[in-house]
Amino acid sequence: MSTEMNWHRSSFSGGDNNPNCVELASVDGQIKMRESDAPDTVVTTSPERLRAFLLGIKAGEFDHLI
C-alpha cells in the first residue's frame, strides 16, 4: 500500500519553476524532506526534531554555513 505525499515548499523558494528548494510532507506522524532537484532522496524526521532544527535556524545557529 502506498501513501500519497503532498509536498510543500516555502514561498521564498521562488515558485514551481525554481528547482532549488527543500520540500516537506507529513506522512503518518513523520516529516519527510527532500530537495526538489533530487526527489528520490527523502529524509524522515519527527515533528519535534524538525521544530528544534527550525528554531536553531531562526536563532542563527547555522548562519556560518551559508
PDB file of N, CA and C in Angstrom:
ATOM      1  N   MET A   1       0.835  -1.186   0.000  1.00  0.00           N
ATOM      2  CA  MET A   1       0.000   0.000   0.000  1.00  0.00           C
ATOM      3  C   MET A   1       0.878   1.247   0.000  1.00  0.00           C
ATOM      4  N   SER A   2       0.595   2.172  -0.841  1.00  0.00           N
ATOM      5  CA  SER A   2       1.390   3.392  -0.988  1.00  0.00           C
ATOM      6  C   SER A   2       0.625   4.585  -0.428  1.00  0.00           C
ATOM      7  N   THR A   3       1.321   5.410   0.341  1.00  0.00           N
ATOM      8  CA  THR A   3       0.731   6.628   0.870  1.00  0.00           C
ATOM      9  C   THR A   3       1.133   7.791  -0.017  1.00  0.00           C
ATOM     10  N   GLU A   4       0.154   8.525  -0.532  1.00  0.00           N
ATOM     11  CA  GLU A   4       0.459   9.679  -1.374  1.00  0.00           C
ATOM     12  C   GLU A   4       0.990  10.807  -0.504  1.00  0.00           C
ATOM     13  N   MET A   5       2.056  11.437  -0.959  1.00  0.00           N
ATOM     14  CA  MET A   5       2.643  12.553  -0.224  1.00  0.00           C
ATOM     15  C   MET A   5       2.315  13.857  -0.934  1.00  0.00           C
ATOM     16  N   ASN A   6       1.829  14.808  -0.178  1.00  0.00           N
ATOM     17  CA  ASN A   6       1.593  16.154  -0.695  1.00  0.00           C
ATOM     18  C   ASN A   6       2.756  17.019  -0.253  1.00  0.00           C
ATOM     19  N   TRP A   7       3.647  17.300  -1.186  1.00  0.00           N
ATOM     20  CA  TRP A   7       4.861  18.049  -0.894  1.00  0.00           C
ATOM     21  C   TRP A   7       4.557  19.538  -0.857  1.00  0.00           C
ATOM     22  N   HIS A   8       5.180  20.240   0.094  1.00  0.00           N
ATOM     23  CA  HIS A   8       5.015  21.681   0.258  1.00  0.00           C
ATOM     24  C   HIS A   8       6.385  22.331   0.248  1.00  0.00           C
ATOM     25  N   ARG A   9       6.445  23.523  -0.330  1.00  0.00           N
ATOM     26  CA  ARG A   9       7.712  24.274  -0.350  1.00  0.00           C
ATOM     27  C   ARG A   9       7.460  25.693   0.127  1.00  0.00           C
ATOM     28  N   SER A  10       8.495  26.330   0.556  1.00  0.00           N
ATOM     29  CA  SER A  10       8.412  27.697   1.057  1.00  0.00           C
ATOM     30  C   SER A  10       8.058  28.674  -0.053  1.00  0.00           C
ATOM     31  N   SER A  11       7.327  29.705   0.304  1.00  0.00           N
ATOM     32  CA  SER A  11       7.034  30.769  -0.660  1.00  0.00           C
ATOM     33  C   SER A  11       8.311  31.531  -1.025  1.00  0.00           C
ATOM     34  N   PHE A  12       9.375  31.384  -0.228  1.00  0.00           N
ATOM     35  CA  PHE A  12      10.657  32.030  -0.510  1.00  0.00           C
ATOM     36  C   PHE A  12      11.459  31.282  -1.576  1.00  0.00           C
ATOM     37  N   SER A  13      10.995  30.108  -1.988  1.00  0.00           N
ATOM     38  CA  SER A  13      11.762  29.317  -2.948  1.00  0.00           C
ATOM     39  C   SER A  13      11.614  29.799  -4.378  1.00  0.00           C
ATOM     40  N   GLY A  14      10.676  30.670  -4.644  1.00  0.00           N
ATOM     41  CA  GLY A  14      10.545  31.236  -5.977  1.00  0.00           C
ATOM     42  C   GLY A  14       9.508  30.565  -6.845  1.00  0.00           C
ATOM     43  N   GLY A  15       8.659  29.732  -6.298  1.00  0.00           N
ATOM     44  CA  GLY A  15       7.570  29.135  -7.068  1.00  0.00           C
ATOM     45  C   GLY A  15       7.921  27.809  -7.691  1.00  0.00           C
ATOM     46  N   ASP A  16       7.005  27.303  -8.500  1.00  0.00           N
ATOM     47  CA  ASP A  16       7.129  25.963  -9.080  1.00  0.00           C
ATOM     48  C   ASP A  16       8.249  25.826 -10.101  1.00  0.00           C
ATOM     49  N   ASN A  17       8.689  26.917 -10.685  1.00  0.00           N
ATOM     50  CA  ASN A  17       9.729  26.840 -11.706  1.00  0.00           C
ATOM     51  C   ASN A  17      11.140  26.805 -11.130  1.00  0.00           C
ATOM     52  N   ASN A  18      11.294  26.996  -9.827  1.00  0.00           N
ATOM     53  CA  ASN A  18      12.603  27.006  -9.196  1.00  0.00           C
ATOM     54  C   ASN A  18      12.932  25.610  -8.683  1.00  0.00           C
ATOM     55  N   PRO A  19      13.968  24.961  -9.223  1.00  0.00           N
ATOM     56  CA  PRO A  19      14.307  23.607  -8.781  1.00  0.00           C
ATOM     57  C   PRO A  19      15.175  23.587  -7.519  1.00  0.00           C
ATOM     58  N   ASN A  20      15.484  24.738  -6.936  1.00  0.00           N
ATOM     59  CA  ASN A  20      16.412  24.812  -5.818  1.00  0.00           C
ATOM     60  C   ASN A  20      15.697  25.068  -4.503  1.00  0.00           C
ATOM     61  N   CYS A  21      14.934  24.078  -4.051  1.00  0.00           N
ATOM     62  CA  CYS A  21      14.249  24.277  -2.779  1.00  0.00           C
ATOM     63  C   CYS A  21      14.104  22.956  -2.051  1.00  0.00           C
ATOM     64  N   VAL A  22      13.825  23.054  -0.768  1.00  0.00           N
ATOM     65  CA  VAL A  22      13.546  21.893   0.067  1.00  0.00           C
ATOM     66  C   VAL A  22      12.035  21.785   0.188  1.00  0.00           C
ATOM     67  N   GLU A  23      11.525  20.585   0.046  1.00  0.00           N
ATOM     68  CA  GLU A  23      10.093  20.342   0.135  1.00  0.00           C
ATOM     69  C   GLU A  23       9.816  19.455   1.348  1.00  0.00           C
ATOM     70  N   LEU A  24       8.658  19.673   1.980  1.00  0.00           N
ATOM     71  CA  LEU A  24       8.268  18.910   3.159  1.00  0.00           C
ATOM     72  C   LEU A  24       6.915  18.259   2.939  1.00  0.00           C
ATOM     73  N   ALA A  25       6.729  17.083   3.547  1.00  0.00           N
ATOM     74  CA  ALA A  25       5.439  16.401   3.549  1.00  0.00           C
ATOM     75  C   ALA A  25       5.264  15.732   4.907  1.00  0.00           C
ATOM     76  N   SER A  26       4.035  15.652   5.361  1.00  0.00           N
ATOM     77  CA  SER A  26       3.711  14.968   6.605  1.00  0.00           C
ATOM     78  C   SER A  26       3.025  13.657   6.263  1.00  0.00           C
ATOM     79  N   VAL A  27       3.592  12.546   6.773  1.00  0.00           N
ATOM     80  CA  VAL A  27       3.056  11.222   6.483  1.00  0.00           C
ATOM     81  C   VAL A  27       3.088  10.382   7.756  1.00  0.00           C
ATOM     82  N   ASP A  28       1.938   9.931   8.185  1.00  0.00           N
ATOM     83  CA  ASP A  28       1.842   9.034   9.338  1.00  0.00           C
ATOM     84  C   ASP A  28       2.568   9.581  10.567  1.00  0.00           C
ATOM     85  N   GLY A  29       2.434  10.881  10.835  1.00  0.00           N
ATOM     86  CA  GLY A  29       3.036  11.490  12.017  1.00  0.00           C
ATOM     87  C   GLY A  29       4.516  11.802  11.893  1.00  0.00           C
ATOM     88  N   GLN A  30       5.095  11.560  10.738  1.00  0.00           N
ATOM     89  CA  GLN A  30       6.504  11.841  10.491  1.00  0.00           C
ATOM     90  C   GLN A  30       6.613  12.931   9.426  1.00  0.00           C
ATOM     91  N   ILE A  31       7.747  13.617   9.410  1.00  0.00           N
ATOM     92  CA  ILE A  31       8.024  14.646   8.412  1.00  0.00           C
ATOM     93  C   ILE A  31       9.021  14.090   7.415  1.00  0.00           C
ATOM     94  N   LYS A  32       8.680  14.197   6.150  1.00  0.00           N
ATOM     95  CA  LYS A  32       9.562  13.797   5.049  1.00  0.00           C
ATOM     96  C   LYS A  32      10.121  15.068   4.424  1.00  0.00           C
ATOM     97  N   MET A  33      11.412  15.059   4.102  1.00  0.00           N
ATOM     98  CA  MET A  33      12.075  16.204   3.467  1.00  0.00           C
ATOM     99  C   MET A  33      12.830  15.716   2.244  1.00  0.00           C
ATOM    100  N   ARG A  34      12.807  16.541   1.203  1.00  0.00           N
ATOM    101  CA  ARG A  34      13.581  16.236   0.004  1.00  0.00           C
ATOM    102  C   ARG A  34      13.968  17.537  -0.674  1.00  0.00           C
ATOM    103  N   GLU A  35      14.991  17.451  -1.523  1.00  0.00           N
ATOM    104  CA  GLU A  35      15.350  18.581  -2.371  1.00  0.00           C
ATOM    105  C   GLU A  35      14.635  18.399  -3.696  1.00  0.00           C
ATOM    106  N   SER A  36      14.094  19.487  -4.228  1.00  0.00           N
ATOM    107  CA  SER A  36      13.298  19.374  -5.447  1.00  0.00           C
ATOM    108  C   SER A  36      14.109  18.874  -6.640  1.00  0.00           C
ATOM    109  N   ASP A  37      15.426  19.095  -6.636  1.00  0.00           N
ATOM    110  CA  ASP A  37      16.235  18.618  -7.759  1.00  0.00           C
ATOM    111  C   ASP A  37      16.733  17.188  -7.551  1.00  0.00           C
ATOM    112  N   ALA A  38      16.429  16.573  -6.394  1.00  0.00           N
ATOM    113  CA  ALA A  38      16.778  15.178  -6.119  1.00  0.00           C
ATOM    114  C   ALA A  38      15.615  14.515  -5.379  1.00  0.00           C
ATOM    115  N   PRO A  39      14.446  14.419  -6.022  1.00  0.00           N
ATOM    116  CA  PRO A  39      13.245  13.978  -5.320  1.00  0.00           C
ATOM    117  C   PRO A  39      13.252  12.527  -4.847  1.00  0.00           C
ATOM    118  N   ASP A  40      14.178  11.711  -5.333  1.00  0.00           N
ATOM    119  CA  ASP A  40      14.219  10.318  -4.908  1.00  0.00           C
ATOM    120  C   ASP A  40      14.927  10.128  -3.573  1.00  0.00           C
ATOM    121  N   THR A  41      15.641  11.138  -3.103  1.00  0.00           N
ATOM    122  CA  THR A  41      16.309  11.070  -1.805  1.00  0.00           C
ATOM    123  C   THR A  41      15.437  11.775  -0.783  1.00  0.00           C
ATOM    124  N   VAL A  42      14.919  11.016   0.173  1.00  0.00           N
ATOM    125  CA  VAL A  42      13.989  11.545   1.167  1.00  0.00           C
ATOM    126  C   VAL A  42      14.536  11.277   2.564  1.00  0.00           C
ATOM    127  N   VAL A  43      14.549  12.299   3.381  1.00  0.00           N
ATOM    128  CA  VAL A  43      14.957  12.196   4.790  1.00  0.00           C
ATOM    129  C   VAL A  43      13.698  12.223   5.642  1.00  0.00           C
ATOM    130  N   THR A  44      13.622  11.347   6.639  1.00  0.00           N
ATOM    131  CA  THR A  44      12.471  11.288   7.535  1.00  0.00           C
ATOM    132  C   THR A  44      12.895  11.734   8.924  1.00  0.00           C
ATOM    133  N   THR A  45      12.070  12.567   9.549  1.00  0.00           N
ATOM    134  CA  THR A  45      12.335  13.027  10.909  1.00  0.00           C
ATOM    135  C   THR A  45      11.009  13.179  11.640  1.00  0.00           C
ATOM    136  N   SER A  46      11.097  13.470  12.912  1.00  0.00           N
ATOM    137  CA  SER A  46       9.885  13.690  13.703  1.00  0.00           C
ATOM    138  C   SER A  46       9.547  15.173  13.712  1.00  0.00           C
ATOM    139  N   PRO A  47       8.302  15.514  13.982  1.00  0.00           N
ATOM    140  CA  PRO A  47       7.944  16.928  14.096  1.00  0.00           C
ATOM    141  C   PRO A  47       8.763  17.642  15.182  1.00  0.00           C
ATOM    142  N   GLU A  48       9.062  16.948  16.266  1.00  0.00           N
ATOM    143  CA  GLU A  48       9.843  17.558  17.351  1.00  0.00           C
ATOM    144  C   GLU A  48      11.268  17.892  16.917  1.00  0.00           C
ATOM    145  N   ARG A  49      11.884  16.984  16.197  1.00  0.00           N
ATOM    146  CA  ARG A  49      13.256  17.245  15.716  1.00  0.00           C
ATOM    147  C   ARG A  49      13.274  18.353  14.669  1.00  0.00           C
ATOM    148  N   LEU A  50      12.270  18.372  13.793  1.00  0.00           N
ATOM    149  CA  LEU A  50      12.196  19.443  12.809  1.00  0.00           C
ATOM    150  C   LEU A  50      11.996  20.783  13.502  1.00  0.00           C
ATOM    151  N   ARG A  51      11.140  20.805  14.515  1.00  0.00           N
ATOM    152  CA  ARG A  51      10.906  22.037  15.270  1.00  0.00           C
ATOM    153  C   ARG A  51      12.209  22.545  15.901  1.00  0.00           C
ATOM    154  N   ALA A  52      12.975  21.667  16.528  1.00  0.00           N
ATOM    155  CA  ALA A  52      14.245  22.061  17.133  1.00  0.00           C
ATOM    156  C   ALA A  52      15.202  22.604  16.072  1.00  0.00           C
ATOM    157  N   PHE A  53      15.248  21.967  14.926  1.00  0.00           N
ATOM    158  CA  PHE A  53      16.105  22.414  13.832  1.00  0.00           C
ATOM    159  C   PHE A  53      15.686  23.796  13.340  1.00  0.00           C
ATOM    160  N   LEU A  54      14.387  23.997  13.128  1.00  0.00           N
ATOM    161  CA  LEU A  54      13.896  25.297  12.649  1.00  0.00           C
ATOM    162  C   LEU A  54      14.142  26.405  13.677  1.00  0.00           C
ATOM    163  N   LEU A  55      14.002  26.096  14.945  1.00  0.00           N
ATOM    164  CA  LEU A  55      14.308  27.089  15.979  1.00  0.00           C
ATOM    165  C   LEU A  55      15.783  27.478  15.920  1.00  0.00           C
ATOM    166  N   GLY A  56      16.656  26.499  15.683  1.00  0.00           N
ATOM    167  CA  GLY A  56      18.079  26.791  15.532  1.00  0.00           C
ATOM    168  C   GLY A  56      18.359  27.660  14.321  1.00  0.00           C
ATOM    169  N   ILE A  57      17.666  27.404  13.227  1.00  0.00           N
ATOM    170  CA  ILE A  57      17.811  28.235  12.025  1.00  0.00           C
ATOM    171  C   ILE A  57      17.392  29.665  12.328  1.00  0.00           C
ATOM    172  N   LYS A  58      16.217  29.818  12.951  1.00  0.00           N
ATOM    173  CA  LYS A  58      15.713  31.155  13.268  1.00  0.00           C
ATOM    174  C   LYS A  58      16.635  31.900  14.231  1.00  0.00           C
ATOM    175  N   ALA A  59      17.319  31.161  15.092  1.00  0.00           N
ATOM    176  CA  ALA A  59      18.233  31.771  16.061  1.00  0.00           C
ATOM    177  C   ALA A  59      19.600  32.081  15.447  1.00  0.00           C
ATOM    178  N   GLY A  60      19.821  31.685  14.189  1.00  0.00           N
ATOM    179  CA  GLY A  60      21.077  31.988  13.517  1.00  0.00           C
ATOM    180  C   GLY A  60      22.185  30.980  13.781  1.00  0.00           C
ATOM    181  N   GLU A  61      21.857  29.825  14.354  1.00  0.00           N
ATOM    182  CA  GLU A  61      22.883  28.852  14.708  1.00  0.00           C
ATOM    183  C   GLU A  61      23.600  28.249  13.499  1.00  0.00           C
ATOM    184  N   PHE A  62      23.016  28.354  12.327  1.00  0.00           N
ATOM    185  CA  PHE A  62      23.615  27.756  11.132  1.00  0.00           C
ATOM    186  C   PHE A  62      24.060  28.807  10.114  1.00  0.00           C
ATOM    187  N   ASP A  63      24.021  30.059  10.490  1.00  0.00           N
ATOM    188  CA  ASP A  63      24.380  31.130   9.556  1.00  0.00           C
ATOM    189  C   ASP A  63      25.796  30.984   9.012  1.00  0.00           C
ATOM    190  N   HIS A  64      26.698  30.397   9.780  1.00  0.00           N
ATOM    191  CA  HIS A  64      28.079  30.249   9.336  1.00  0.00           C
ATOM    192  C   HIS A  64      28.218  29.265   8.168  1.00  0.00           C
ATOM    193  N   LEU A  65      27.167  28.502   7.880  1.00  0.00           N
ATOM    194  CA  LEU A  65      27.215  27.535   6.800  1.00  0.00           C
ATOM    195  C   LEU A  65      26.836  28.112   5.434  1.00  0.00           C
ATOM    196  N   ILE A  66      26.272  29.331   5.432  1.00  0.00           N
ATOM    197  CA  ILE A  66      25.852  29.901   4.159  1.00  0.00           C
ATOM    198  C   ILE A  66      26.627  31.171   3.840  1.00  0.00           C
TER     199      ILE A  66
END
